[in-house]
Amino acid sequence: MFSFQADALLVDDREDLIAVLQMRFGTLPGEMIQKIYEINDMNTLQRLIISAANSANWDVFVEDFNVSKDSYRLLGDNFNPLRDLIKEGEVCDGGA
């Protein structure tokens, strides 16, 4: 892959990560956006996109963001995006 193609994919992954985080958690701190733009590894960005989509809350995502870049397992209740809603009894059962 040519460098300019890789660079374009990195930009896309960064923007995707920011978009997922904004959809899930609202406005992001500028520091987080800056840290995302400092990531130059596509595998890390793709793992963080999955983490952002599945983290139970912002704190879970931030904790995962700060772990080693070699981390790759998203296991347990912390990566259930409905965890906090279920605990609070806010999940609709789909009924009328």
C-alpha atoms as a PDB file:
ATOM      1  CA  MET A   1       0.000   0.000   0.000  1.00  0.00           C
ATOM      2  CA  PHE A   2       1.314   3.411  -0.914  1.00  0.00           C
ATOM      3  CA  SER A   3       2.023   5.852   1.877  1.00  0.00           C
ATOM      4  CA  PHE A   4      -0.645   8.320   0.749  1.00  0.00           C
ATOM      5  CA  GLN A   5      -3.229   5.493   0.769  1.00  0.00           C
ATOM      6  CA  ALA A   6      -2.220   4.454   4.267  1.00  0.00           C
ATOM      7  CA  ASP A   7      -2.344   8.062   5.411  1.00  0.00           C
ATOM      8  CA  ALA A   8      -5.841   8.464   3.968  1.00  0.00           C
ATOM      9  CA  LEU A   9      -6.994   5.306   5.754  1.00  0.00           C
ATOM     10  CA  LEU A  10      -5.551   6.570   9.045  1.00  0.00           C
ATOM     11  CA  VAL A  11      -7.447   9.840   8.642  1.00  0.00           C
ATOM     12  CA  ASP A  12     -10.646   7.917   7.865  1.00  0.00           C
ATOM     13  CA  ASP A  13     -10.208   5.661  10.911  1.00  0.00           C
ATOM     14  CA  ARG A  14      -9.529   8.632  13.174  1.00  0.00           C
ATOM     15  CA  GLU A  15     -12.639  10.401  11.892  1.00  0.00           C
ATOM     16  CA  ASP A  16     -14.688   7.212  12.293  1.00  0.00           C
ATOM     17  CA  LEU A  17     -13.509   6.817  15.881  1.00  0.00           C
ATOM     18  CA  ILE A  18     -14.367  10.422  16.703  1.00  0.00           C
ATOM     19  CA  ALA A  19     -17.791  10.052  15.053  1.00  0.00           C
ATOM     20  CA  VAL A  20     -18.651   6.898  17.002  1.00  0.00           C
ATOM     21  CA  LEU A  21     -17.527   8.512  20.254  1.00  0.00           C
ATOM     22  CA  GLN A  22     -19.622  11.612  19.581  1.00  0.00           C
ATOM     23  CA  MET A  23     -22.675   9.509  18.745  1.00  0.00           C
ATOM     24  CA  ARG A  24     -22.282   7.463  21.906  1.00  0.00           C
ATOM     25  CA  PHE A  25     -21.034  10.024  24.434  1.00  0.00           C
ATOM     26  CA  GLY A  26     -21.612  13.530  23.051  1.00  0.00           C
ATOM     27  CA  THR A  27     -19.013  16.275  22.870  1.00  0.00           C
ATOM     28  CA  LEU A  28     -15.449  15.049  23.264  1.00  0.00           C
ATOM     29  CA  PRO A  29     -12.729  16.784  25.226  1.00  0.00           C
ATOM     30  CA  GLY A  30     -10.175  18.441  22.960  1.00  0.00           C
ATOM     31  CA  GLU A  31      -7.439  16.427  24.652  1.00  0.00           C
ATOM     32  CA  MET A  32      -9.070  13.174  23.518  1.00  0.00           C
ATOM     33  CA  ILE A  33      -9.354  14.381  19.922  1.00  0.00           C
ATOM     34  CA  GLN A  34      -5.685  15.385  20.001  1.00  0.00           C
ATOM     35  CA  LYS A  35      -4.684  11.962  21.373  1.00  0.00           C
ATOM     36  CA  ILE A  36      -6.718  10.226  18.658  1.00  0.00           C
ATOM     37  CA  TYR A  37      -4.932  12.240  15.979  1.00  0.00           C
ATOM     38  CA  GLU A  38      -1.583  11.144  17.435  1.00  0.00           C
ATOM     39  CA  ILE A  39      -2.380   7.457  16.789  1.00  0.00           C
ATOM     40  CA  ASN A  40      -0.598   6.199  13.690  1.00  0.00           C
ATOM     41  CA  ASP A  41      -1.468   2.512  13.849  1.00  0.00           C
ATOM     42  CA  MET A  42      -4.536   1.327  11.911  1.00  0.00           C
ATOM     43  CA  ASN A  43      -4.962  -1.783  14.082  1.00  0.00           C
ATOM     44  CA  THR A  44      -5.096   0.346  17.224  1.00  0.00           C
ATOM     45  CA  LEU A  45      -7.621   2.712  15.660  1.00  0.00           C
ATOM     46  CA  GLN A  46      -9.825  -0.140  14.483  1.00  0.00           C
ATOM     47  CA  ARG A  47      -9.725  -1.754  17.939  1.00  0.00           C
ATOM     48  CA  LEU A  48     -10.695   1.572  19.498  1.00  0.00           C
ATOM     49  CA  ILE A  49     -13.612   1.974  17.078  1.00  0.00           C
ATOM     50  CA  ILE A  50     -14.933  -1.398  18.250  1.00  0.00           C
ATOM     51  CA  SER A  51     -14.298  -0.401  21.854  1.00  0.00           C
ATOM     52  CA  ALA A  52     -16.126   2.917  21.369  1.00  0.00           C
ATOM     53  CA  ALA A  53     -19.127   1.147  19.898  1.00  0.00           C
ATOM     54  CA  ASN A  54     -19.300  -1.425  22.684  1.00  0.00           C
ATOM     55  CA  SER A  55     -18.065   0.272  25.872  1.00  0.00           C
ATOM     56  CA  ALA A  56     -20.731   0.484  28.534  1.00  0.00           C
ATOM     57  CA  ASN A  57     -19.878   4.128  29.237  1.00  0.00           C
ATOM     58  CA  TRP A  58     -17.268   6.836  28.691  1.00  0.00           C
ATOM     59  CA  ASP A  59     -15.128   5.761  31.639  1.00  0.00           C
ATOM     60  CA  VAL A  60     -14.854   2.209  30.281  1.00  0.00           C
ATOM     61  CA  PHE A  61     -13.753   3.570  26.904  1.00  0.00           C
ATOM     62  CA  VAL A  62     -11.156   5.902  28.451  1.00  0.00           C
ATOM     63  CA  GLU A  63      -9.751   3.025  30.499  1.00  0.00           C
ATOM     64  CA  ASP A  64      -9.490   0.884  27.361  1.00  0.00           C
ATOM     65  CA  PHE A  65      -7.994   3.808  25.417  1.00  0.00           C
ATOM     66  CA  ASN A  66      -5.222   4.108  27.988  1.00  0.00           C
ATOM     67  CA  VAL A  67      -4.196   0.433  28.000  1.00  0.00           C
ATOM     68  CA  SER A  68      -1.298  -0.927  26.014  1.00  0.00           C
ATOM     69  CA  LYS A  69      -1.618  -0.773  22.243  1.00  0.00           C
ATOM     70  CA  ASP A  70      -1.102  -4.548  22.282  1.00  0.00           C
ATOM     71  CA  SER A  71      -4.421  -5.026  24.041  1.00  0.00           C
ATOM     72  CA  TYR A  72      -6.929  -6.688  21.780  1.00  0.00           C
ATOM     73  CA  ARG A  73      -9.558  -8.403  23.885  1.00  0.00           C
ATOM     74  CA  LEU A  74     -12.810  -6.652  24.649  1.00  0.00           C
ATOM     75  CA  LEU A  75     -14.397  -9.034  27.110  1.00  0.00           C
ATOM     76  CA  GLY A  76     -16.923  -8.848  29.865  1.00  0.00           C
ATOM     77  CA  ASP A  77     -19.828  -6.716  30.892  1.00  0.00           C
ATOM     78  CA  ASN A  78     -17.824  -3.500  30.448  1.00  0.00           C
ATOM     79  CA  PHE A  79     -18.157  -3.980  26.700  1.00  0.00           C
ATOM     80  CA  ASN A  80     -21.918  -4.340  26.656  1.00  0.00           C
ATOM     81  CA  PRO A  81     -23.235  -0.996  25.400  1.00  0.00           C
ATOM     82  CA  LEU A  82     -26.541  -1.629  27.198  1.00  0.00           C
ATOM     83  CA  ARG A  83     -24.982  -2.548  30.561  1.00  0.00           C
ATOM     84  CA  ASP A  84     -25.792   0.692  32.366  1.00  0.00           C
ATOM     85  CA  LEU A  85     -29.291   0.886  30.897  1.00  0.00           C
ATOM     86  CA  ILE A  86     -30.056  -2.671  31.976  1.00  0.00           C
ATOM     87  CA  LYS A  87     -28.833  -1.953  35.503  1.00  0.00           C
ATOM     88  CA  GLU A  88     -31.076   1.104  35.672  1.00  0.00           C
ATOM     89  CA  GLY A  89     -34.063  -0.783  34.272  1.00  0.00           C
ATOM     90  CA  GLU A  90     -34.387   1.549  31.303  1.00  0.00           C
ATOM     91  CA  VAL A  91     -34.249  -0.994  28.477  1.00  0.00           C
ATOM     92  CA  CYS A  92     -37.533  -1.323  26.606  1.00  0.00           C
ATOM     93  CA  ASP A  93     -38.644  -4.885  26.021  1.00  0.00           C
ATOM     94  CA  GLY A  94     -39.990  -3.980  22.564  1.00  0.00           C
ATOM     95  CA  GLY A  95     -43.611  -4.249  23.627  1.00  0.00           C
ATOM     96  CA  ALA A  96     -46.295  -1.692  23.020  1.00  0.00           C
END
